[in-house]
C-alpha atoms as a PDB file:
ATOM      1  CA  MET A   1       0.000   0.000   0.000  1.00  0.00           C
ATOM      2  CA  LYS A   2       2.828   2.370   0.852  1.00  0.00           C
ATOM      3  CA  GLN A   3       4.536   1.576  -2.446  1.00  0.00           C
ATOM      4  CA  VAL A   4       1.357   2.433  -4.380  1.00  0.00           C
ATOM      5  CA  ARG A   5       1.055   5.766  -2.568  1.00  0.00           C
ATOM      6  CA  LEU A   6       4.745   6.458  -3.159  1.00  0.00           C
ATOM      7  CA  MET A   7       4.419   5.764  -6.898  1.00  0.00           C
ATOM      8  CA  ALA A   8       1.328   7.970  -7.106  1.00  0.00           C
ATOM      9  CA  LEU A   9       3.195  10.764  -5.304  1.00  0.00           C
ATOM     10  CA  ILE A  10       6.148  10.425  -7.667  1.00  0.00           C
ATOM     11  CA  ARG A  11       3.857  10.600 -10.728  1.00  0.00           C
ATOM     12  CA  GLU A  12       2.046  13.670  -9.396  1.00  0.00           C
ATOM     13  CA  THR A  13       5.343  15.364  -8.577  1.00  0.00           C
ATOM     14  CA  ALA A  14       6.685  14.587 -12.041  1.00  0.00           C
ATOM     15  CA  VAL A  15       3.565  16.051 -13.664  1.00  0.00           C
ATOM     16  CA  VAL A  16       3.839  19.227 -11.585  1.00  0.00           C
ATOM     17  CA  LEU A  17       7.532  19.620 -12.455  1.00  0.00           C
ATOM     18  CA  VAL A  18       6.863  19.129 -16.161  1.00  0.00           C
ATOM     19  CA  LEU A  19       4.044  21.691 -16.090  1.00  0.00           C
ATOM     20  CA  LEU A  20       6.259  24.178 -14.268  1.00  0.00           C
ATOM     21  CA  LEU A  21       9.072  23.598 -16.751  1.00  0.00           C
ATOM     22  CA  VAL A  22       6.797  24.042 -19.762  1.00  0.00           C
ATOM     23  CA  GLY A  23       5.214  27.129 -18.199  1.00  0.00           C
ATOM     24  CA  GLY A  24       8.636  28.586 -17.498  1.00  0.00           C
ATOM     25  CA  VAL A  25       9.790  28.028 -21.067  1.00  0.00           C
ATOM     26  CA  VAL A  26       6.608  29.612 -22.441  1.00  0.00           C
ATOM     27  CA  MET A  27       6.911  32.651 -20.174  1.00  0.00           C
ATOM     28  CA  LEU A  28      10.597  33.002 -21.062  1.00  0.00           C
ATOM     29  CA  GLY A  29       9.709  32.891 -24.749  1.00  0.00           C
ATOM     30  CA  ILE A  30       7.029  35.539 -24.292  1.00  0.00           C
ATOM     31  CA  TRP A  31       9.371  37.749 -22.283  1.00  0.00           C
ATOM     32  CA  ALA A  32      12.314  37.367 -24.661  1.00  0.00           C
ATOM     33  CA  GLY A  33      10.305  37.465 -27.881  1.00  0.00           C
ATOM     34  CA  GLY A  34       9.473  41.143 -27.963  1.00  0.00           C
ATOM     35  CA  ALA A  35       8.144  42.852 -31.041  1.00  0.00           C
ATOM     36  CA  PRO A  36       9.134  41.632 -34.517  1.00  0.00           C
ATOM     37  CA  PRO A  37      11.889  43.599 -36.210  1.00  0.00           C
ATOM     38  CA  GLU A  38      10.679  46.803 -37.804  1.00  0.00           C
ATOM     39  CA  GLU A  39      12.238  45.778 -41.118  1.00  0.00           C
ATOM     40  CA  LEU A  40      10.146  42.611 -41.138  1.00  0.00           C
ATOM     41  CA  ARG A  41       6.939  44.506 -40.422  1.00  0.00           C
ATOM     42  CA  GLU A  42       7.679  46.966 -43.188  1.00  0.00           C
ATOM     43  CA  TYR A  43       8.446  44.124 -45.580  1.00  0.00           C
ATOM     44  CA  PHE A  44       5.106  42.447 -44.903  1.00  0.00           C
ATOM     45  CA  ILE A  45       3.253  45.717 -45.393  1.00  0.00           C
ATOM     46  CA  ASP A  46       5.092  46.662 -48.583  1.00  0.00           C
ATOM     47  CA  ARG A  47       5.370  43.227 -50.224  1.00  0.00           C
ATOM     48  CA  GLY A  48       2.502  41.213 -48.759  1.00  0.00           C
ATOM     49  CA  LEU A  49      -0.044  42.049 -51.448  1.00  0.00           C
ATOM     50  CA  VAL A  50       2.415  41.666 -54.329  1.00  0.00           C
ATOM     51  CA  GLU A  51       3.939  38.363 -53.210  1.00  0.00           C
ATOM     52  CA  THR A  52       0.777  36.630 -51.976  1.00  0.00           C
ATOM     53  CA  GLY A  53      -2.021  38.501 -53.743  1.00  0.00           C
ATOM     54  CA  ALA A  54      -4.053  38.661 -50.502  1.00  0.00           C
ATOM     55  CA  VAL A  55      -5.628  42.017 -49.755  1.00  0.00           C
ATOM     56  CA  ASN A  56      -6.144  40.915 -46.150  1.00  0.00           C
ATOM     57  CA  LEU A  57      -2.658  41.366 -44.736  1.00  0.00           C
ATOM     58  CA  VAL A  58      -3.361  38.946 -41.876  1.00  0.00           C
ATOM     59  CA  SER A  59      -4.092  36.136 -44.337  1.00  0.00           C
ATOM     60  CA  SER A  60      -1.036  36.994 -46.403  1.00  0.00           C
ATOM     61  CA  ILE A  61       1.156  36.611 -43.293  1.00  0.00           C
ATOM     62  CA  TYR A  62      -0.286  33.503 -41.641  1.00  0.00           C
ATOM     63  CA  LEU A  63      -0.773  31.612 -44.918  1.00  0.00           C
ATOM     64  CA  GLY A  64       1.773  33.213 -47.220  1.00  0.00           C
ATOM     65  CA  TYR A  65       4.782  33.659 -44.945  1.00  0.00           C
ATOM     66  CA  ARG A  66       4.043  31.699 -41.753  1.00  0.00           C
ATOM     67  CA  ALA A  67       1.978  28.772 -42.988  1.00  0.00           C
ATOM     68  CA  PHE A  68       4.190  26.418 -40.958  1.00  0.00           C
ATOM     69  CA  ASP A  69       2.892  28.025 -37.742  1.00  0.00           C
ATOM     70  CA  THR A  70      -0.652  27.689 -39.042  1.00  0.00           C
ATOM     71  CA  PHE A  71      -0.033  24.019 -39.741  1.00  0.00           C
ATOM     72  CA  GLY A  72       1.034  23.626 -36.113  1.00  0.00           C
ATOM     73  CA  GLU A  73      -2.290  25.105 -35.006  1.00  0.00           C
ATOM     74  CA  THR A  74      -4.169  22.540 -37.091  1.00  0.00           C
ATOM     75  CA  ILE A  75      -2.151  19.806 -35.359  1.00  0.00           C
ATOM     76  CA  VAL A  76      -3.299  21.173 -31.993  1.00  0.00           C
ATOM     77  CA  LEU A  77      -6.923  20.935 -33.132  1.00  0.00           C
ATOM     78  CA  LEU A  78      -6.356  17.405 -34.425  1.00  0.00           C
ATOM     79  CA  LEU A  79      -4.915  16.356 -31.059  1.00  0.00           C
ATOM     80  CA  ALA A  80      -7.839  17.971 -29.245  1.00  0.00           C
ATOM     81  CA  VAL A  81     -10.369  16.089 -31.389  1.00  0.00           C
ATOM     82  CA  SER A  82      -8.484  12.820 -30.948  1.00  0.00           C
ATOM     83  CA  GLY A  83      -8.286  13.348 -27.187  1.00  0.00           C
ATOM     84  CA  VAL A  84     -12.016  13.997 -26.822  1.00  0.00           C
ATOM     85  CA  ILE A  85     -12.949  10.944 -28.876  1.00  0.00           C
ATOM     86  CA  PHE A  86     -10.437   8.765 -27.021  1.00  0.00           C
ATOM     87  CA  ILE A  87     -11.732   9.816 -23.611  1.00  0.00           C
ATOM     88  CA  ILE A  88     -15.378   9.348 -24.588  1.00  0.00           C
ATOM     89  CA  ASP A  89     -14.680   5.938 -26.140  1.00  0.00           C
ATOM     90  CA  ARG A  90     -12.894   4.827 -22.963  1.00  0.00           C
ATOM     91  CA  LYS A  91     -15.851   5.928 -20.853  1.00  0.00           C
ATOM     92  CA  GLU A  92     -18.258   4.067 -23.131  1.00  0.00           C
ATOM     93  CA  LEU A  93     -16.267   0.884 -22.614  1.00  0.00           C
ATOM     94  CA  THR A  94     -16.504   1.143 -18.834  1.00  0.00           C
ATOM     95  CA  ARG A  95     -20.251   1.624 -18.577  1.00  0.00           C
ATOM     96  CA  THR A  96     -23.465   0.408 -20.093  1.00  0.00           C
ATOM     97  CA  LYS A  97     -25.685   3.174 -21.363  1.00  0.00           C
ATOM     98  CA  LEU A  98     -29.340   2.198 -21.630  1.00  0.00           C
ATOM     99  CA  ALA A  99     -31.151   3.936 -24.466  1.00  0.00           C
ATOM    100  CA  ARG A 100     -34.268   5.705 -23.282  1.00  0.00           C
ATOM    101  CA  PRO A 101     -37.141   6.113 -25.719  1.00  0.00           C
ATOM    102  CA  THR A 102     -38.257   9.522 -26.895  1.00  0.00           C
ATOM    103  CA  ILE A 103     -41.327  10.631 -24.914  1.00  0.00           C
ATOM    104  CA  GLY A 104     -43.117  13.705 -26.171  1.00  0.00           C
ATOM    105  CA  ASN A 105     -40.638  16.560 -26.339  1.00  0.00           C
ATOM    106  CA  ILE A 106     -38.094  14.740 -24.168  1.00  0.00           C
ATOM    107  CA  ASP A 107     -35.467  12.879 -26.197  1.00  0.00           C
ATOM    108  CA  GLN A 108     -33.529   9.799 -25.089  1.00  0.00           C
ATOM    109  CA  TYR A 109     -30.812  11.992 -23.578  1.00  0.00           C
ATOM    110  CA  GLY A 110     -33.284  13.773 -21.334  1.00  0.00           C
ATOM    111  CA  ARG A 111     -33.218  17.078 -23.224  1.00  0.00           C
ATOM    112  CA  HIS A 112     -36.382  19.088 -23.664  1.00  0.00           C
ATOM    113  CA  ARG A 113     -37.340  19.953 -27.249  1.00  0.00           C
ATOM    114  CA  THR A 114     -39.786  22.631 -28.344  1.00  0.00           C
ATOM    115  CA  GLU A 115     -41.249  23.475 -31.720  1.00  0.00           C
ATOM    116  CA  ILE A 116     -39.992  27.043 -31.404  1.00  0.00           C
ATOM    117  CA  LEU A 117     -36.397  25.912 -30.874  1.00  0.00           C
ATOM    118  CA  ASP A 118     -36.696  23.428 -33.735  1.00  0.00           C
ATOM    119  CA  LEU A 119     -38.157  26.054 -36.078  1.00  0.00           C
ATOM    120  CA  ILE A 120     -35.592  28.724 -35.230  1.00  0.00           C
ATOM    121  CA  SER A 121     -32.659  26.329 -35.606  1.00  0.00           C
ATOM    122  CA  ARG A 122     -33.895  25.099 -38.988  1.00  0.00           C
ATOM    123  CA  LYS A 123     -34.402  28.658 -40.251  1.00  0.00           C
ATOM    124  CA  LEU A 124     -31.163  30.165 -38.953  1.00  0.00           C
ATOM    125  CA  SER A 125     -28.620  27.364 -39.381  1.00  0.00           C
ATOM    126  CA  PRO A 126     -28.467  27.530 -43.225  1.00  0.00           C
ATOM    127  CA  TYR A 127     -27.655  31.257 -43.038  1.00  0.00           C
ATOM    128  CA  VAL A 128     -25.081  30.661 -40.305  1.00  0.00           C
ATOM    129  CA  MET A 129     -23.334  27.995 -42.394  1.00  0.00           C
ATOM    130  CA  LEU A 130     -23.565  30.190 -45.503  1.00  0.00           C
ATOM    131  CA  PHE A 131     -21.896  33.014 -43.598  1.00  0.00           C
ATOM    132  CA  GLY A 132     -19.204  30.579 -42.493  1.00  0.00           C
ATOM    133  CA  LEU A 133     -18.527  29.636 -46.114  1.00  0.00           C
ATOM    134  CA  TYR A 134     -18.405  33.344 -46.982  1.00  0.00           C
ATOM    135  CA  LEU A 135     -15.770  33.982 -44.304  1.00  0.00           C
ATOM    136  CA  ILE A 136     -13.709  31.056 -45.597  1.00  0.00           C
ATOM    137  CA  SER A 137     -13.921  31.976 -49.280  1.00  0.00           C
ATOM    138  CA  HIS A 138     -13.300  35.710 -48.731  1.00  0.00           C
ATOM    139  CA  GLY A 139     -10.573  35.401 -46.104  1.00  0.00           C
ATOM    140  CA  HIS A 140      -7.980  36.721 -48.565  1.00  0.00           C
ATOM    141  CA  LEU A 141     -10.051  39.841 -49.263  1.00  0.00           C
ATOM    142  CA  SER A 142     -11.570  40.835 -45.940  1.00  0.00           C
ATOM    143  CA  PRO A 143     -11.380  39.953 -42.214  1.00  0.00           C
ATOM    144  CA  GLY A 144     -12.062  36.252 -41.826  1.00  0.00           C
ATOM    145  CA  GLY A 145     -10.415  33.096 -43.071  1.00  0.00           C
ATOM    146  CA  GLY A 146     -10.326  29.370 -42.512  1.00  0.00           C
ATOM    147  CA  PHE A 147     -10.264  29.315 -38.718  1.00  0.00           C
ATOM    148  CA  GLN A 148     -13.004  31.884 -38.204  1.00  0.00           C
ATOM    149  CA  GLY A 149     -15.194  30.555 -40.998  1.00  0.00           C
ATOM    150  CA  GLY A 150     -14.736  26.966 -39.862  1.00  0.00           C
ATOM    151  CA  VAL A 151     -15.958  27.789 -36.358  1.00  0.00           C
ATOM    152  CA  VAL A 152     -19.001  29.618 -37.752  1.00  0.00           C
ATOM    153  CA  LEU A 153     -19.676  26.676 -40.062  1.00  0.00           C
ATOM    154  CA  ALA A 154     -19.612  24.296 -37.104  1.00  0.00           C
ATOM    155  CA  SER A 155     -21.875  26.598 -35.079  1.00  0.00           C
ATOM    156  CA  GLY A 156     -24.602  26.061 -37.693  1.00  0.00           C
ATOM    157  CA  ILE A 157     -24.439  22.311 -37.073  1.00  0.00           C
ATOM    158  CA  ILE A 158     -24.441  22.901 -33.302  1.00  0.00           C
ATOM    159  CA  LEU A 159     -27.549  25.084 -33.664  1.00  0.00           C
ATOM    160  CA  LEU A 160     -29.302  22.314 -35.580  1.00  0.00           C
ATOM    161  CA  THR A 161     -28.315  19.822 -32.889  1.00  0.00           C
ATOM    162  CA  LEU A 162     -29.834  21.989 -30.180  1.00  0.00           C
ATOM    163  CA  GLY A 163     -33.119  22.127 -32.076  1.00  0.00           C
ATOM    164  CA  LYS A 164     -33.459  18.639 -33.517  1.00  0.00           C
ATOM    165  CA  GLY A 165     -31.380  16.436 -31.249  1.00  0.00           C
ATOM    166  CA  VAL A 166     -28.153  14.509 -31.659  1.00  0.00           C
ATOM    167  CA  ASP A 167     -29.616  11.418 -33.333  1.00  0.00           C
ATOM    168  CA  LYS A 168     -31.276  13.283 -36.207  1.00  0.00           C
ATOM    169  CA  ILE A 169     -28.221  15.435 -36.872  1.00  0.00           C
ATOM    170  CA  GLU A 170     -25.932  12.423 -36.663  1.00  0.00           C
ATOM    171  CA  ALA A 171     -28.037  10.832 -39.386  1.00  0.00           C
ATOM    172  CA  MET A 172     -27.367  13.915 -41.552  1.00  0.00           C
ATOM    173  CA  PHE A 173     -23.705  14.265 -40.545  1.00  0.00           C
ATOM    174  CA  PRO A 174     -22.457  10.808 -39.448  1.00  0.00           C
ATOM    175  CA  ILE A 175     -19.663  11.114 -36.911  1.00  0.00           C
ATOM    176  CA  ARG A 176     -17.530   8.600 -38.788  1.00  0.00           C
ATOM    177  CA  ARG A 177     -17.718  10.623 -41.994  1.00  0.00           C
ATOM    178  CA  VAL A 178     -17.068  13.886 -40.162  1.00  0.00           C
ATOM    179  CA  ALA A 179     -13.988  12.276 -38.611  1.00  0.00           C
ATOM    180  CA  LEU A 180     -12.813  11.129 -42.049  1.00  0.00           C
ATOM    181  CA  ALA A 181     -13.338  14.650 -43.400  1.00  0.00           C
ATOM    182  CA  GLU A 182     -11.312  16.123 -40.540  1.00  0.00           C
ATOM    183  CA  ALA A 183      -8.464  13.647 -41.036  1.00  0.00           C
ATOM    184  CA  GLY A 184      -8.636  13.894 -44.832  1.00  0.00           C
ATOM    185  CA  THR A 185      -8.350  17.683 -44.893  1.00  0.00           C
ATOM    186  CA  PHE A 186      -5.404  17.488 -42.501  1.00  0.00           C
ATOM    187  CA  LEU A 187      -3.621  15.047 -44.831  1.00  0.00           C
ATOM    188  CA  LEU A 188      -4.460  17.272 -47.797  1.00  0.00           C
ATOM    189  CA  LEU A 189      -2.978  20.258 -45.987  1.00  0.00           C
ATOM    190  CA  LEU A 190       0.142  18.239 -45.215  1.00  0.00           C
ATOM    191  CA  GLY A 191       0.339  17.161 -48.859  1.00  0.00           C
ATOM    192  CA  ILE A 192       0.265  20.775 -50.044  1.00  0.00           C
ATOM    193  CA  GLY A 193       3.131  21.545 -47.674  1.00  0.00           C
ATOM    194  CA  VAL A 194       5.180  18.624 -49.004  1.00  0.00           C
ATOM    195  CA  VAL A 195       4.533  19.673 -52.603  1.00  0.00           C
ATOM    196  CA  GLY A 196       5.833  23.109 -51.659  1.00  0.00           C
ATOM    197  CA  ILE A 197       9.076  21.488 -50.489  1.00  0.00           C
ATOM    198  CA  LEU A 198       9.421  19.566 -53.744  1.00  0.00           C
ATOM    199  CA  TYR A 199       8.654  22.660 -55.811  1.00  0.00           C
ATOM    200  CA  GLY A 200      10.453  25.465 -54.024  1.00  0.00           C
ATOM    201  CA  GLY A 201      12.467  23.881 -51.251  1.00  0.00           C
ATOM    202  CA  THR A 202      10.368  25.231 -48.360  1.00  0.00           C
ATOM    203  CA  LEU A 203       7.263  23.958 -46.609  1.00  0.00           C
ATOM    204  CA  PHE A 204       4.028  25.398 -48.086  1.00  0.00           C
ATOM    205  CA  GLU A 205       5.851  27.175 -50.876  1.00  0.00           C
ATOM    206  CA  ASN A 206       3.385  28.529 -53.432  1.00  0.00           C
ATOM    207  CA  PHE A 207       3.654  26.083 -56.338  1.00  0.00           C
ATOM    208  CA  LEU A 208       0.803  27.505 -58.438  1.00  0.00           C
ATOM    209  CA  PRO A 209       2.043  29.213 -61.632  1.00  0.00           C
ATOM    210  CA  GLY A 210       0.367  32.509 -60.818  1.00  0.00           C
ATOM    211  CA  GLY A 211       1.076  36.175 -61.213  1.00  0.00           C
ATOM    212  CA  GLY A 212       0.729  38.878 -58.597  1.00  0.00           C
ATOM    213  CA  PRO A 213      -1.295  42.096 -58.781  1.00  0.00           C
ATOM    214  CA  GLY A 214       0.028  44.284 -61.550  1.00  0.00           C
ATOM    215  CA  ASP A 215       1.792  41.380 -63.271  1.00  0.00           C
ATOM    216  CA  PRO A 216       1.004  41.466 -67.029  1.00  0.00           C
ATOM    217  CA  SER A 217       0.788  37.659 -67.062  1.00  0.00           C
ATOM    218  CA  GLU A 218      -1.895  37.612 -64.335  1.00  0.00           C
ATOM    219  CA  ALA A 219      -4.680  37.805 -66.924  1.00  0.00           C
ATOM    220  CA  THR A 220      -3.590  34.540 -68.533  1.00  0.00           C
ATOM    221  CA  ARG A 221      -2.346  32.635 -65.491  1.00  0.00           C
ATOM    222  CA  ILE A 222      -3.764  31.431 -62.195  1.00  0.00           C
ATOM    223  CA  PRO A 223      -3.835  34.359 -59.731  1.00  0.00           C
ATOM    224  CA  ILE A 224      -1.114  34.016 -57.124  1.00  0.00           C
ATOM    225  CA  VAL A 225      -3.716  34.488 -54.375  1.00  0.00           C
ATOM    226  CA  SER A 226      -5.189  31.077 -55.302  1.00  0.00           C
ATOM    227  CA  HIS A 227      -2.657  29.473 -52.970  1.00  0.00           C
ATOM    228  CA  VAL A 228      -3.970  31.446 -49.982  1.00  0.00           C
ATOM    229  CA  PHE A 229      -7.561  30.814 -51.095  1.00  0.00           C
ATOM    230  CA  PHE A 230      -7.116  27.023 -51.246  1.00  0.00           C
ATOM    231  CA  LEU A 231      -5.322  26.942 -47.894  1.00  0.00           C
ATOM    232  CA  ASN A 232      -8.164  28.917 -46.332  1.00  0.00           C
ATOM    233  CA  LEU A 233     -10.692  26.530 -47.881  1.00  0.00           C
ATOM    234  CA  ILE A 234      -8.944  23.408 -46.577  1.00  0.00           C
ATOM    235  CA  ILE A 235      -8.362  24.872 -43.113  1.00  0.00           C
ATOM    236  CA  GLY A 236     -11.970  26.047 -42.917  1.00  0.00           C
ATOM    237  CA  LEU A 237     -13.343  22.612 -43.754  1.00  0.00           C
ATOM    238  CA  LYS A 238     -10.933  20.984 -41.307  1.00  0.00           C
ATOM    239  CA  VAL A 239     -11.801  23.347 -38.461  1.00  0.00           C
ATOM    240  CA  GLY A 240     -15.513  23.023 -39.191  1.00  0.00           C
ATOM    241  CA  ALA A 241     -15.311  19.237 -39.164  1.00  0.00           C
ATOM    242  CA  GLY A 242     -13.156  19.179 -36.031  1.00  0.00           C
ATOM    243  CA  ILE A 243     -15.352  21.506 -33.963  1.00  0.00           C
ATOM    244  CA  SER A 244     -18.484  19.692 -35.159  1.00  0.00           C
ATOM    245  CA  LEU A 245     -16.972  16.340 -34.224  1.00  0.00           C
ATOM    246  CA  ILE A 246     -16.084  17.523 -30.718  1.00  0.00           C
ATOM    247  CA  SER A 247     -19.527  19.059 -30.213  1.00  0.00           C
ATOM    248  CA  LEU A 248     -21.481  16.049 -31.458  1.00  0.00           C
ATOM    249  CA  SER A 249     -19.395  13.727 -29.295  1.00  0.00           C
ATOM    250  CA  LEU A 250     -19.963  15.874 -26.205  1.00  0.00           C
ATOM    251  CA  PHE A 251     -23.686  16.160 -26.932  1.00  0.00           C
ATOM    252  CA  LYS A 252     -23.932  12.380 -27.034  1.00  0.00           C
ATOM    253  CA  GLU A 253     -21.958  12.145 -23.820  1.00  0.00           C
ATOM    254  CA  GLU A 254     -24.411  14.264 -21.798  1.00  0.00           C
END
């Protein structure tokens, strides 16, 4: 018994030390990072539109110049989705969940449904998802992009779930297919990065034969901003699928 307590104490101490070490490194990085060099800021402002074609300077930076950092953020989301599904699957294995029949406006998960909530969710969710697609497709022109649009896209599915229930929405958006979409878009994003290495020697190098604004060849070639547009599209679909997958899994868990 004492050995078990000692091992548990050692594990807890190790976890605390690791957390303190990671926190210290993060705080040191924040303290030592400071502001980016003024020359770099001026370069992004002066050359961002010409070299990436994106009017939205934020998109030109995080997809044109720092796409590797953006790829790291998608990995974080992938790990979060995998962690939620893993934890829920483990809990399902350790308990037996009896399905309760739907009685009136009370579904099998004990949630109360009303016609007003159902009607509002069905009327609003298409516009919410349409706005999400707008943010994704116009992220290179105006504030928005893949991450913001993907979250709005997922919020439309969440709104439908609140109105119609998990089972009906899962029939429309099967969790297995949503998971495949999330994993597939991640692999597609990784593939684009690898192609950039093969084409230009750097990860996520723009390999599309496009011309920038003011380039005489732009009229006959693929616009250079297409690279940012496609990255926004893939990231938006991945984020939308990931957030939807987490939400549907948590709704079923309640």
